[in-house]
Amino acid sequence: METKEHWFLQGFLLLAMVIAQGATIKCPSSPLCYKKTESATIYTCEWETSESMKNATYELFYSRSNSAASRTSLGSSRKSYICVQDNTVLNKVLVDIWVVAYMGNGSCQSLNTTVTLSERVKYEAPQRMSMARSSRNLTLSWDNKKDAVIEVKFRRLEETSGTWKTLKKEVKQAMVTLENFQNESVYQLQVRQMSKHVKHPLWSDWTPILTFPLNCRGCTISGYNCHFAAEISNPPEVNWTVEDFNNGTRLLKLTWGTPPYPVSMQVNYNLSLHIWPCLLKRKNFTIVTSTEFSVYVTYSAVSGDIIAFNKVGKSSPTHILVPAKHLTFPCKSWPNDRLIPLKYAHGFMKSCLEWYKSTDGETRPEKVNRSKLNGTVKKKLKHVREKMDDYVRYYYLVHKQTDGKPQSTETCLMYKKEGAPSKAPDHFTAPILNVTTNSAMLHWKPIPVPDQRGFLTHYEVCYTRRSQKNESQIESECLKSFASKTENLVQNLTPGSIYNIHLAGATAAGSGPTTTIQIMTKPLPQSVIGRN
């Protein structure tokens, strides 16, 4: 009788407490137990509770399934979850797990969960998620070192009452591309992930709802980075200038424009330049956000490429070519094996020699010769000379590092051996409007560098005419024109006479073939003849 009264009193007190709280007791749900990664050593067991049990204390129990073994407590908490070390629980066999809620003198037990704990993994929702927009595609990426199964659900913002479209996919890396989005529409999406390395994985929680595109250049929503870069369709437009210090060193300045938004989102630039002639390899520079770059260079040509890239992709390369600073005047030819005057030899052991054919006097060929000195200067220069051709123009530079800056200590245009030109000047003319009674202006085009076979010293202009008094007598005269000129005024000619004019280029080795034109000077006016 006393026991019944005691039970009745406990029940009455619990009922009175619940009525006072205005709610009905609801037992906690079956516990859900998992670890957050495959290698984790801590399990989280969580359960759902009612508002009426917010002041309850919870105790977690387990026992081996289908066993008469007694139950074991895994701990208690005022919260709706408990963390359990894997060495305190049987994690590779089936176990029954349940939770008991205590409030006042009453208790309420959940239903059992039967599970093999080692087979339960629940990842966190994808973290630090980035989104990149390219055309009608959206690429999602997030932090996760393992491959996984992901599920994405999305819908247009104007259709928020409609059904979510879902995509489920296995991915080998934390990235997935969604296709065929409407460019002008705004979308909402959520992502969750699941392990593919255990037998009974659990889906992670969904990410917060993400809305895109956003009217911002880079923003954060609940810890998620949302960057809507666009595809880079055009290569960078590069401008360059060089400042010559007239000491063998130049300062190269490169600048390029920023692409328009949203292409400019998170754009980096990969710059590859060949700035040190003594090495074959280019030097790579990765520049973040900057749109200018300066570097010291020699008098040698500088080549390279620049590529713009972001999370979506990369542009095609823009090729950069800064010409060499070529001399406009020759060095001395090399008459013997002592190829460079002695003043060039000092310090050469710490430098390198760059040399190549200068086929047009301006352009540096794609492939050049580079020589580092392993022996004496004399032996190296003799070896270089053996590789050169006669009658071919070469350009060579000597480079070294001075105070950490590249420098060309010597530059030279030269021939191993000179010969006379092999070709006459082209387009030799004397326009009729430039022919008077006693003069004629001659024009021609320079002999191409490969046909010069040496340094032009001058052009020879010779003209002849038959004597009016004795046709068997030929009057002739020759004059020299500067090698840098392509025109010449011939004066003191006889009016009304026919002249044969010959033109040839000349080097130190002699004159080359001639080209000939015929002109007729204008006669004197009749009034002048009559007075004579």
Protein backbone atom coordinates (compact mmCIF):
# COMPACT_ATOMS: atom_id res chain seq x y z
CA MET A 1 0.00 0.00 0.00
CA GLU A 2 2.86 2.33 0.84
CA THR A 3 4.57 1.48 -2.51
CA LYS A 4 1.47 2.34 -4.46
CA GLU A 5 1.12 5.58 -2.57
CA HIS A 6 4.80 6.42 -3.24
CA TRP A 7 4.37 5.68 -6.98
CA PHE A 8 1.20 7.72 -7.09
CA LEU A 9 2.95 10.64 -5.39
CA GLN A 10 5.88 10.59 -7.92
CA GLY A 11 3.52 10.40 -10.86
CA PHE A 12 1.39 13.18 -9.48
CA LEU A 13 4.42 15.44 -8.97
CA LEU A 14 5.73 14.80 -12.53
CA LEU A 15 2.27 15.35 -13.99
CA ALA A 16 1.87 18.52 -11.98
CA MET A 17 5.27 19.78 -13.22
CA VAL A 18 4.37 19.09 -16.86
CA ILE A 19 0.97 20.74 -16.49
CA ALA A 20 2.68 23.73 -14.89
CA GLN A 21 4.98 23.96 -17.93
CA GLY A 22 2.00 23.76 -20.27
CA ALA A 23 3.40 20.85 -22.29
CA THR A 24 3.32 17.09 -22.57
CA ILE A 25 6.33 14.85 -21.96
CA LYS A 26 7.81 13.53 -25.21
CA CYS A 27 10.62 11.02 -25.11
CA PRO A 28 13.80 11.77 -27.07
CA SER A 29 14.20 10.27 -30.51
CA SER A 30 16.44 7.29 -31.16
CA PRO A 31 20.07 8.44 -31.04
CA LEU A 32 21.97 8.91 -34.28
CA CYS A 33 25.65 8.01 -33.83
CA TYR A 34 28.49 8.67 -36.26
CA LYS A 35 32.03 9.94 -36.60
CA LYS A 36 32.83 12.96 -38.79
CA THR A 37 35.63 11.37 -40.83
CA GLU A 38 36.75 7.83 -41.59
CA SER A 39 39.84 8.22 -39.39
CA ALA A 40 38.18 10.01 -36.47
CA THR A 41 38.37 8.42 -33.00
CA ILE A 42 35.37 10.22 -31.49
CA TYR A 43 31.73 9.37 -32.14
CA THR A 44 28.94 11.90 -31.82
CA CYS A 45 25.55 10.60 -30.70
CA GLU A 46 22.70 13.07 -31.06
CA TRP A 47 18.94 12.95 -30.64
CA GLU A 48 15.91 15.17 -31.00
CA THR A 49 14.04 16.48 -27.95
CA SER A 50 10.86 18.37 -27.30
CA GLU A 51 10.62 21.85 -25.84
CA SER A 52 9.07 20.39 -22.69
CA MET A 53 12.30 18.48 -21.98
CA LYS A 54 14.72 21.39 -22.31
CA ASN A 55 15.64 21.11 -18.62
CA ALA A 56 16.10 17.35 -18.73
CA THR A 57 19.34 15.43 -18.20
CA TYR A 58 20.15 12.75 -20.76
CA GLU A 59 22.12 9.55 -20.29
CA LEU A 60 23.34 7.41 -23.19
CA PHE A 61 23.46 3.60 -22.87
CA TYR A 62 24.52 0.75 -25.09
CA SER A 63 24.65 -3.02 -25.03
CA ARG A 64 25.69 -5.66 -27.51
CA SER A 65 22.79 -6.68 -29.73
CA ASN A 66 21.20 -10.07 -29.15
CA SER A 67 23.19 -10.44 -25.98
CA ALA A 68 22.22 -10.87 -22.36
CA ALA A 69 25.07 -8.59 -21.30
CA SER A 70 24.11 -5.72 -19.04
CA ARG A 71 23.84 -2.21 -20.35
CA THR A 72 26.75 0.23 -20.17
CA SER A 73 26.46 3.96 -19.63
CA LEU A 74 28.39 6.15 -22.10
CA GLY A 75 27.86 9.37 -20.16
CA SER A 76 25.27 12.01 -19.41
CA SER A 77 24.65 15.56 -20.59
CA ARG A 78 22.16 18.43 -20.37
CA LYS A 79 22.58 18.85 -24.15
CA SER A 80 21.01 16.77 -26.89
CA TYR A 81 24.25 15.02 -27.84
CA ILE A 82 27.17 13.18 -26.26
CA CYS A 83 30.68 12.60 -27.66
CA VAL A 84 32.14 9.13 -27.09
CA GLN A 85 35.74 7.93 -27.47
CA ASP A 86 35.95 4.86 -29.71
CA ASN A 87 37.93 2.92 -27.09
CA THR A 88 35.00 3.06 -24.67
CA VAL A 89 32.49 1.33 -26.91
CA LEU A 90 32.29 -1.75 -29.11
CA ASN A 91 32.52 -0.16 -32.55
CA LYS A 92 32.94 -3.10 -34.92
CA VAL A 93 29.96 -5.23 -33.87
CA LEU A 94 26.24 -4.58 -33.78
CA VAL A 95 25.19 -2.71 -30.65
CA ASP A 96 21.92 -1.28 -29.37
CA ILE A 97 22.11 2.34 -28.30
CA TRP A 98 19.42 4.35 -26.56
CA VAL A 99 19.05 7.49 -24.51
CA VAL A 100 17.14 8.08 -21.28
CA ALA A 101 15.83 11.51 -20.33
CA TYR A 102 15.53 12.41 -16.63
CA MET A 103 13.45 15.31 -15.38
CA GLY A 104 12.58 15.64 -11.75
CA ASN A 105 11.93 12.18 -10.44
CA GLY A 106 10.70 10.90 -13.80
CA SER A 107 12.45 9.38 -16.81
CA CYS A 108 11.65 8.53 -20.40
CA GLN A 109 13.59 6.16 -22.66
CA SER A 110 13.99 6.42 -26.43
CA LEU A 111 13.69 3.57 -28.86
CA ASN A 112 16.87 1.62 -29.57
CA THR A 113 19.20 2.27 -32.49
CA THR A 114 20.98 -0.86 -33.73
CA VAL A 115 24.19 -0.02 -35.52
CA THR A 116 27.81 -0.95 -36.21
CA LEU A 117 29.48 2.30 -35.24
CA SER A 118 32.59 1.96 -37.42
CA GLU A 119 30.34 1.91 -40.50
CA ARG A 120 28.72 5.24 -39.70
CA VAL A 121 30.40 8.40 -41.04
CA LYS A 122 28.70 11.75 -41.42
CA TYR A 123 30.77 14.49 -43.00
CA GLU A 124 30.29 18.11 -42.10
CA ALA A 125 28.45 20.18 -44.67
CA PRO A 126 30.81 21.39 -47.44
CA GLN A 127 32.99 24.18 -46.06
CA ARG A 128 34.56 27.27 -47.67
CA MET A 129 32.60 26.75 -50.83
CA SER A 130 33.54 28.76 -53.90
CA MET A 131 31.35 29.24 -56.95
CA ALA A 132 32.62 30.30 -60.37
CA ARG A 133 30.30 31.24 -63.23
CA SER A 134 31.36 30.55 -66.80
CA SER A 135 28.90 31.15 -69.59
CA ARG A 136 25.87 28.99 -68.66
CA ASN A 137 27.81 26.72 -66.32
CA LEU A 138 28.46 26.96 -62.60
CA THR A 139 31.48 25.29 -61.00
CA LEU A 140 31.30 24.55 -57.27
CA SER A 141 34.38 23.71 -55.20
CA TRP A 142 34.90 23.22 -51.47
CA ASP A 143 37.33 21.81 -48.91
CA ASN A 144 37.51 18.02 -48.85
CA LYS A 145 40.62 15.89 -49.32
CA LYS A 146 38.70 12.69 -50.16
CA ASP A 147 36.42 11.75 -53.00
CA ALA A 148 32.78 11.65 -52.01
CA VAL A 149 29.19 11.47 -53.15
CA ILE A 150 27.60 14.90 -53.42
CA GLU A 151 24.06 16.05 -53.93
CA VAL A 152 23.11 19.50 -55.18
CA LYS A 153 19.60 20.87 -55.20
CA PHE A 154 18.78 24.12 -56.98
CA ARG A 155 15.90 26.22 -58.23
CA ARG A 156 15.30 29.60 -59.82
CA LEU A 157 14.67 32.34 -57.30
CA GLU A 158 11.38 33.31 -58.96
CA GLU A 159 10.21 29.73 -58.51
CA THR A 160 10.79 29.39 -54.76
CA SER A 161 7.45 27.67 -54.35
CA GLY A 162 8.41 25.09 -56.94
CA THR A 163 10.21 21.77 -56.60
CA TRP A 164 13.97 21.66 -56.14
CA LYS A 165 15.90 20.02 -58.93
CA THR A 166 18.58 17.67 -57.66
CA LEU A 167 21.84 16.28 -58.95
CA LYS A 168 23.60 13.36 -57.27
CA LYS A 169 27.11 12.54 -58.37
CA GLU A 170 30.31 10.82 -57.26
CA VAL A 171 33.30 13.15 -57.46
CA LYS A 172 37.01 12.37 -57.20
CA GLN A 173 37.82 15.88 -56.07
CA ALA A 174 35.84 18.51 -54.23
CA MET A 175 34.46 20.11 -57.38
CA VAL A 176 31.42 19.75 -59.59
CA THR A 177 30.12 21.67 -62.61
CA LEU A 178 26.42 22.31 -63.14
CA GLU A 179 25.36 23.04 -66.69
CA ASN A 180 22.69 24.92 -68.63
CA PHE A 181 21.85 27.71 -66.22
CA GLN A 182 20.03 30.69 -67.69
CA ASN A 183 22.40 33.65 -67.82
CA GLU A 184 19.90 36.27 -66.70
CA SER A 185 18.28 34.23 -63.93
CA VAL A 186 19.02 34.13 -60.22
CA TYR A 187 19.27 30.71 -58.60
CA GLN A 188 19.26 29.24 -55.11
CA LEU A 189 21.16 26.09 -54.27
CA GLN A 190 22.23 23.85 -51.41
CA VAL A 191 24.88 21.14 -51.29
CA ARG A 192 25.52 18.15 -49.07
CA GLN A 193 28.03 15.31 -49.21
CA MET A 194 28.41 11.70 -48.11
CA SER A 195 31.34 9.33 -47.62
CA LYS A 196 31.85 6.54 -50.14
CA HIS A 197 34.42 4.68 -48.00
CA VAL A 198 32.16 3.09 -45.37
CA LYS A 199 29.24 0.66 -45.59
CA HIS A 200 26.49 2.81 -44.08
CA PRO A 201 27.37 6.50 -44.55
CA LEU A 202 25.09 9.35 -43.58
CA TRP A 203 24.39 12.47 -45.57
CA SER A 204 25.93 15.64 -44.19
CA ASP A 205 23.73 18.57 -43.32
CA TRP A 206 22.81 20.84 -46.20
CA THR A 207 24.78 24.02 -46.68
CA PRO A 208 22.87 27.24 -46.09
CA ILE A 209 20.87 28.34 -49.12
CA LEU A 210 23.23 30.12 -51.51
CA THR A 211 21.93 32.65 -54.00
CA PHE A 212 23.77 33.50 -57.23
CA PRO A 213 24.68 35.52 -59.12
CA LEU A 214 25.34 38.07 -56.41
CA ASN A 215 25.69 41.75 -57.13
CA CYS A 216 29.13 41.87 -55.57
CA ARG A 217 32.72 41.19 -56.51
CA GLY A 218 33.38 38.79 -53.67
CA CYS A 219 31.30 38.14 -50.60
CA THR A 220 30.70 35.72 -47.78
CA ILE A 221 27.48 34.04 -46.71
CA SER A 222 27.68 32.18 -43.40
CA GLY A 223 31.31 31.31 -43.99
CA TYR A 224 30.88 30.42 -47.67
CA ASN A 225 32.89 32.34 -50.22
CA CYS A 226 30.87 33.12 -53.33
CA HIS A 227 32.96 34.29 -56.26
CA PHE A 228 31.36 34.53 -59.66
CA ALA A 229 34.28 34.67 -62.03
CA ALA A 230 33.59 34.49 -65.73
CA GLU A 231 35.50 32.81 -68.50
CA ILE A 232 38.52 34.72 -69.84
CA SER A 233 37.96 34.97 -73.57
CA ASN A 234 40.64 37.49 -74.55
CA PRO A 235 44.37 37.40 -73.82
CA PRO A 236 45.94 40.35 -71.95
CA GLU A 237 46.89 43.34 -74.06
CA VAL A 238 50.46 44.11 -73.09
CA ASN A 239 52.39 47.34 -73.54
CA TRP A 240 56.08 47.66 -72.80
CA THR A 241 58.67 50.39 -72.49
CA VAL A 242 62.42 50.22 -71.93
CA GLU A 243 64.57 52.73 -70.13
CA ASP A 244 68.17 52.53 -71.36
CA PHE A 245 70.83 53.48 -68.84
CA ASN A 246 73.48 53.44 -71.61
CA ASN A 247 75.66 51.11 -69.57
CA GLY A 248 74.52 47.76 -70.92
CA THR A 249 71.42 47.55 -68.68
CA ARG A 250 67.83 48.42 -69.49
CA LEU A 251 64.74 48.60 -67.28
CA LEU A 252 61.83 46.78 -68.91
CA LYS A 253 58.35 47.87 -67.80
CA LEU A 254 55.33 45.76 -68.74
CA THR A 255 51.74 46.90 -68.24
CA TRP A 256 48.42 45.35 -69.17
CA GLY A 257 44.78 46.13 -68.64
CA THR A 258 42.37 44.49 -66.21
CA PRO A 259 39.58 42.54 -67.91
CA PRO A 260 36.03 43.73 -67.23
CA TYR A 261 33.95 42.38 -64.34
CA PRO A 262 33.08 39.58 -63.78
CA VAL A 263 36.01 38.21 -65.81
CA SER A 264 38.35 40.11 -63.48
CA MET A 265 37.19 38.14 -60.43
CA GLN A 266 40.24 36.56 -58.78
CA VAL A 267 42.37 36.97 -61.89
CA ASN A 268 46.04 36.11 -61.55
CA TYR A 269 48.73 36.41 -64.16
CA ASN A 270 51.44 33.93 -64.99
CA LEU A 271 54.39 35.69 -66.61
CA SER A 272 57.24 33.77 -68.17
CA LEU A 273 60.27 35.77 -69.40
CA HIS A 274 63.67 34.93 -70.80
CA ILE A 275 65.66 37.79 -69.26
CA TRP A 276 69.09 36.29 -68.60
CA PRO A 277 70.73 35.32 -71.91
CA CYS A 278 73.28 33.03 -70.27
CA LEU A 279 70.51 30.56 -69.35
CA LEU A 280 68.23 28.73 -71.74
CA LYS A 281 65.31 28.48 -69.33
CA ARG A 282 62.77 31.20 -68.82
CA LYS A 283 62.03 32.62 -65.42
CA ASN A 284 58.44 32.32 -64.24
CA PHE A 285 56.72 35.04 -62.24
CA THR A 286 53.27 34.59 -60.71
CA ILE A 287 51.67 37.95 -60.10
CA VAL A 288 48.49 38.25 -58.05
CA THR A 289 46.14 41.11 -59.04
CA SER A 290 48.97 43.36 -60.24
CA THR A 291 48.82 44.62 -63.82
CA GLU A 292 52.38 45.85 -64.12
CA PHE A 293 55.83 44.35 -63.84
CA SER A 294 59.36 45.78 -64.03
CA VAL A 295 62.65 43.94 -64.39
CA TYR A 296 66.24 44.75 -65.37
CA VAL A 297 67.40 43.24 -68.66
CA THR A 298 70.47 43.26 -70.90
CA TYR A 299 70.77 44.59 -74.44
CA SER A 300 69.75 41.14 -75.68
CA ALA A 301 66.23 40.48 -76.91
CA VAL A 302 63.66 39.57 -74.25
CA SER A 303 60.91 37.10 -75.05
CA GLY A 304 58.11 35.60 -73.02
CA ASP A 305 54.41 34.99 -72.54
CA ILE A 306 51.72 36.16 -70.17
CA ILE A 307 48.54 34.24 -69.35
CA ALA A 308 45.57 35.45 -67.33
CA PHE A 309 43.77 32.81 -65.28
CA ASN A 310 41.04 32.48 -62.69
CA LYS A 311 39.03 29.62 -61.18
CA VAL A 312 37.13 29.14 -64.43
CA GLY A 313 40.07 28.79 -66.80
CA LYS A 314 42.85 30.66 -68.50
CA SER A 315 43.32 32.90 -71.49
CA SER A 316 45.37 32.15 -74.54
CA PRO A 317 48.94 33.47 -74.13
CA THR A 318 50.08 36.89 -75.22
CA HIS A 319 53.56 36.68 -76.68
CA ILE A 320 56.02 39.35 -75.62
CA LEU A 321 59.07 40.25 -77.70
CA VAL A 322 61.33 43.17 -76.83
CA PRO A 323 63.98 43.59 -79.55
CA ALA A 324 67.68 43.61 -78.82
CA LYS A 325 69.45 46.93 -78.81
CA HIS A 326 71.49 46.52 -81.99
CA LEU A 327 74.36 48.70 -83.01
CA THR A 328 73.97 50.77 -86.13
CA PHE A 329 77.70 50.79 -86.80
CA PRO A 330 80.15 47.92 -87.28
CA CYS A 331 82.92 46.58 -85.12
CA LYS A 332 86.21 45.58 -86.60
CA SER A 333 86.28 42.32 -88.53
CA TRP A 334 88.19 39.44 -87.06
CA PRO A 335 91.29 39.03 -89.22
CA ASN A 336 92.74 36.10 -87.27
CA ASP A 337 92.15 33.74 -84.36
CA ARG A 338 92.51 36.56 -81.90
CA LEU A 339 88.96 37.41 -82.63
CA ILE A 340 88.12 40.16 -80.19
CA PRO A 341 90.47 43.01 -79.34
CA LEU A 342 92.21 42.55 -76.01
CA LYS A 343 90.09 45.17 -74.28
CA TYR A 344 87.08 42.88 -74.67
CA ALA A 345 88.74 39.96 -72.91
CA HIS A 346 88.90 41.41 -69.39
CA GLY A 347 86.35 39.78 -67.11
CA PHE A 348 85.07 37.52 -69.85
CA MET A 349 85.60 34.38 -67.79
CA LYS A 350 82.70 35.46 -65.54
CA SER A 351 80.40 36.19 -68.43
CA CYS A 352 78.82 34.47 -71.39
CA LEU A 353 78.92 35.14 -75.10
CA GLU A 354 75.73 35.29 -77.15
CA TRP A 355 76.08 35.33 -80.90
CA TYR A 356 73.83 34.82 -83.90
CA LYS A 357 73.39 35.63 -87.56
CA SER A 358 71.91 39.05 -88.15
CA THR A 359 70.16 38.23 -91.38
CA ASP A 360 68.34 41.52 -91.82
CA GLY A 361 70.37 43.69 -89.48
CA GLU A 362 67.49 43.99 -87.01
CA THR A 363 65.73 40.74 -86.17
CA ARG A 364 67.13 38.27 -83.69
CA PRO A 365 66.56 34.68 -84.82
CA GLU A 366 64.57 32.33 -82.63
CA LYS A 367 67.62 30.17 -81.99
CA VAL A 368 70.85 31.83 -80.88
CA ASN A 369 74.25 30.54 -79.81
CA ARG A 370 75.43 30.86 -76.23
CA SER A 371 78.90 30.03 -75.00
CA LYS A 372 80.16 29.86 -71.45
CA LEU A 373 83.89 29.91 -70.92
CA ASN A 374 85.42 26.77 -69.48
CA GLY A 375 88.92 27.43 -70.81
CA THR A 376 90.86 30.46 -71.95
CA VAL A 377 89.29 33.33 -73.79
CA LYS A 378 91.51 32.70 -76.79
CA LYS A 379 90.45 29.05 -77.10
CA LYS A 380 86.78 29.86 -76.76
CA LEU A 381 86.88 32.63 -79.34
CA LYS A 382 88.81 30.44 -81.73
CA HIS A 383 86.17 27.73 -81.32
CA VAL A 384 83.38 30.25 -81.92
CA ARG A 385 85.09 31.55 -85.04
CA GLU A 386 85.27 28.07 -86.51
CA LYS A 387 81.47 27.87 -86.39
CA MET A 388 80.93 31.15 -88.22
CA ASP A 389 80.48 31.50 -91.98
CA ASP A 390 82.41 33.85 -94.21
CA TYR A 391 80.58 36.87 -95.64
CA VAL A 392 77.74 36.56 -93.09
CA ARG A 393 76.90 39.31 -90.63
CA TYR A 394 76.89 38.32 -86.97
CA TYR A 395 75.86 40.10 -83.86
CA TYR A 396 77.44 39.21 -80.56
CA LEU A 397 77.00 40.38 -76.99
CA VAL A 398 78.97 39.73 -73.82
CA HIS A 399 76.79 39.52 -70.70
CA LYS A 400 77.53 39.47 -67.00
CA GLN A 401 75.85 40.27 -63.68
CA THR A 402 76.83 43.57 -62.08
CA ASP A 403 75.52 44.32 -58.58
CA GLY A 404 72.80 41.75 -59.13
CA LYS A 405 71.68 43.36 -62.40
CA PRO A 406 72.18 41.80 -65.83
CA GLN A 407 74.46 43.84 -68.06
CA SER A 408 75.77 43.64 -71.62
CA THR A 409 79.40 44.68 -71.31
CA GLU A 410 80.09 44.47 -75.04
CA THR A 411 77.97 44.51 -78.18
CA CYS A 412 79.24 44.14 -81.69
CA LEU A 413 78.20 43.74 -85.33
CA MET A 414 80.89 41.84 -87.21
CA TYR A 415 81.91 39.58 -90.06
CA LYS A 416 84.37 36.74 -89.81
CA LYS A 417 85.47 37.65 -93.35
CA GLU A 418 84.15 40.33 -95.68
CA GLY A 419 83.57 40.15 -99.41
CA ALA A 420 82.16 42.42 -102.10
CA PRO A 421 78.36 42.62 -102.37
CA SER A 422 76.74 39.86 -104.40
CA LYS A 423 73.85 41.99 -105.60
CA ALA A 424 73.26 45.46 -106.97
CA PRO A 425 70.86 47.89 -105.29
CA ASP A 426 67.19 47.37 -106.18
CA HIS A 427 64.71 49.85 -107.68
CA PHE A 428 67.30 52.20 -109.11
CA THR A 429 65.36 55.08 -110.70
CA ALA A 430 65.59 58.71 -111.76
CA PRO A 431 62.01 59.98 -111.95
CA ILE A 432 61.52 62.23 -114.98
CA LEU A 433 60.20 65.00 -112.78
CA ASN A 434 63.53 65.00 -110.97
CA VAL A 435 65.59 65.36 -114.16
CA THR A 436 66.48 68.90 -115.21
CA THR A 437 68.70 70.36 -117.90
CA ASN A 438 71.84 69.80 -115.83
CA SER A 439 70.95 67.48 -112.90
CA ALA A 440 69.12 64.33 -111.91
CA MET A 441 68.00 62.98 -108.55
CA LEU A 442 68.71 59.27 -108.25
CA HIS A 443 66.85 56.88 -105.91
CA TRP A 444 67.44 53.25 -104.92
CA LYS A 445 66.75 50.73 -102.21
CA PRO A 446 69.55 49.44 -100.00
CA ILE A 447 71.17 46.10 -100.68
CA PRO A 448 69.68 43.47 -98.34
CA VAL A 449 72.02 42.52 -95.49
CA PRO A 450 72.59 38.90 -96.66
CA ASP A 451 73.69 40.24 -100.06
CA GLN A 452 76.04 42.87 -98.66
CA ARG A 453 78.59 40.21 -97.54
CA GLY A 454 80.38 42.89 -95.57
CA PHE A 455 79.82 46.36 -94.18
CA LEU A 456 78.90 48.81 -96.91
CA THR A 457 81.42 51.61 -97.00
CA HIS A 458 79.69 53.58 -99.76
CA TYR A 459 77.76 53.44 -103.01
CA GLU A 460 79.54 54.16 -106.29
CA VAL A 461 77.67 56.25 -108.84
CA CYS A 462 79.26 56.46 -112.32
CA TYR A 463 77.70 58.12 -115.36
CA THR A 464 78.80 58.23 -118.99
CA ARG A 465 77.77 60.00 -122.21
CA ARG A 466 79.05 60.13 -125.74
CA SER A 467 80.75 63.32 -126.71
CA GLN A 468 78.68 65.46 -129.06
CA LYS A 469 81.84 66.47 -130.91
CA ASN A 470 83.25 62.95 -131.20
CA GLU A 471 80.80 60.09 -130.70
CA SER A 472 83.62 57.59 -130.36
CA GLN A 473 84.76 59.45 -127.27
CA ILE A 474 82.94 58.53 -124.05
CA GLU A 475 82.93 60.98 -121.21
CA SER A 476 82.62 59.42 -117.72
CA GLU A 477 82.69 60.50 -114.12
CA CYS A 478 82.31 58.66 -110.79
CA LEU A 479 81.39 59.78 -107.32
CA LYS A 480 80.76 58.17 -103.94
CA SER A 481 77.57 58.31 -101.89
CA PHE A 482 77.33 57.52 -98.19
CA ALA A 483 76.38 53.93 -97.39
CA SER A 484 73.51 55.18 -95.23
CA LYS A 485 71.92 57.12 -98.12
CA THR A 486 69.55 55.82 -100.76
CA GLU A 487 69.50 58.89 -103.03
CA ASN A 488 72.00 61.13 -104.72
CA LEU A 489 71.85 64.34 -106.75
CA VAL A 490 74.03 64.24 -109.86
CA GLN A 491 74.88 67.75 -111.06
CA ASN A 492 76.75 69.58 -113.82
CA LEU A 493 75.23 67.48 -116.55
CA THR A 494 75.02 68.63 -120.17
CA PRO A 495 71.55 69.71 -121.35
CA GLY A 496 69.84 67.52 -123.94
CA SER A 497 72.24 64.63 -123.40
CA ILE A 498 71.75 60.91 -122.90
CA TYR A 499 73.49 59.46 -119.85
CA ASN A 500 74.03 55.88 -118.73
CA ILE A 501 74.19 55.88 -114.94
CA HIS A 502 75.66 52.91 -113.07
CA LEU A 503 75.19 52.16 -109.36
CA ALA A 504 76.98 49.60 -107.17
CA GLY A 505 77.50 48.96 -103.48
CA ALA A 506 81.01 48.65 -102.05
CA THR A 507 82.60 47.13 -98.96
CA ALA A 508 86.19 47.07 -97.79
CA ALA A 509 86.66 44.03 -100.03
CA GLY A 510 85.54 45.82 -103.21
CA SER A 511 82.55 46.80 -105.32
CA GLY A 512 79.66 44.53 -106.20
CA PRO A 513 77.53 44.19 -109.35
CA THR A 514 76.17 47.33 -110.96
CA THR A 515 72.70 48.30 -112.03
CA THR A 516 72.22 50.76 -114.89
CA ILE A 517 69.57 53.22 -115.97
CA GLN A 518 69.50 55.69 -118.87
CA ILE A 519 68.31 59.26 -118.59
CA MET A 520 68.09 62.23 -120.92
CA THR A 521 68.58 65.69 -119.55
CA LYS A 522 66.16 68.33 -120.70
CA PRO A 523 67.30 70.60 -123.55
CA LEU A 524 67.75 74.31 -123.06
CA PRO A 525 64.75 76.45 -124.03
CA GLN A 526 64.89 77.86 -127.65
CA SER A 527 65.10 81.39 -126.37
CA VAL A 528 68.27 80.54 -124.49
CA ILE A 529 69.75 78.73 -127.51
CA GLY A 530 68.98 81.71 -129.76
CA ARG A 531 70.81 84.11 -127.46
CA ASN A 532 73.80 81.78 -127.44
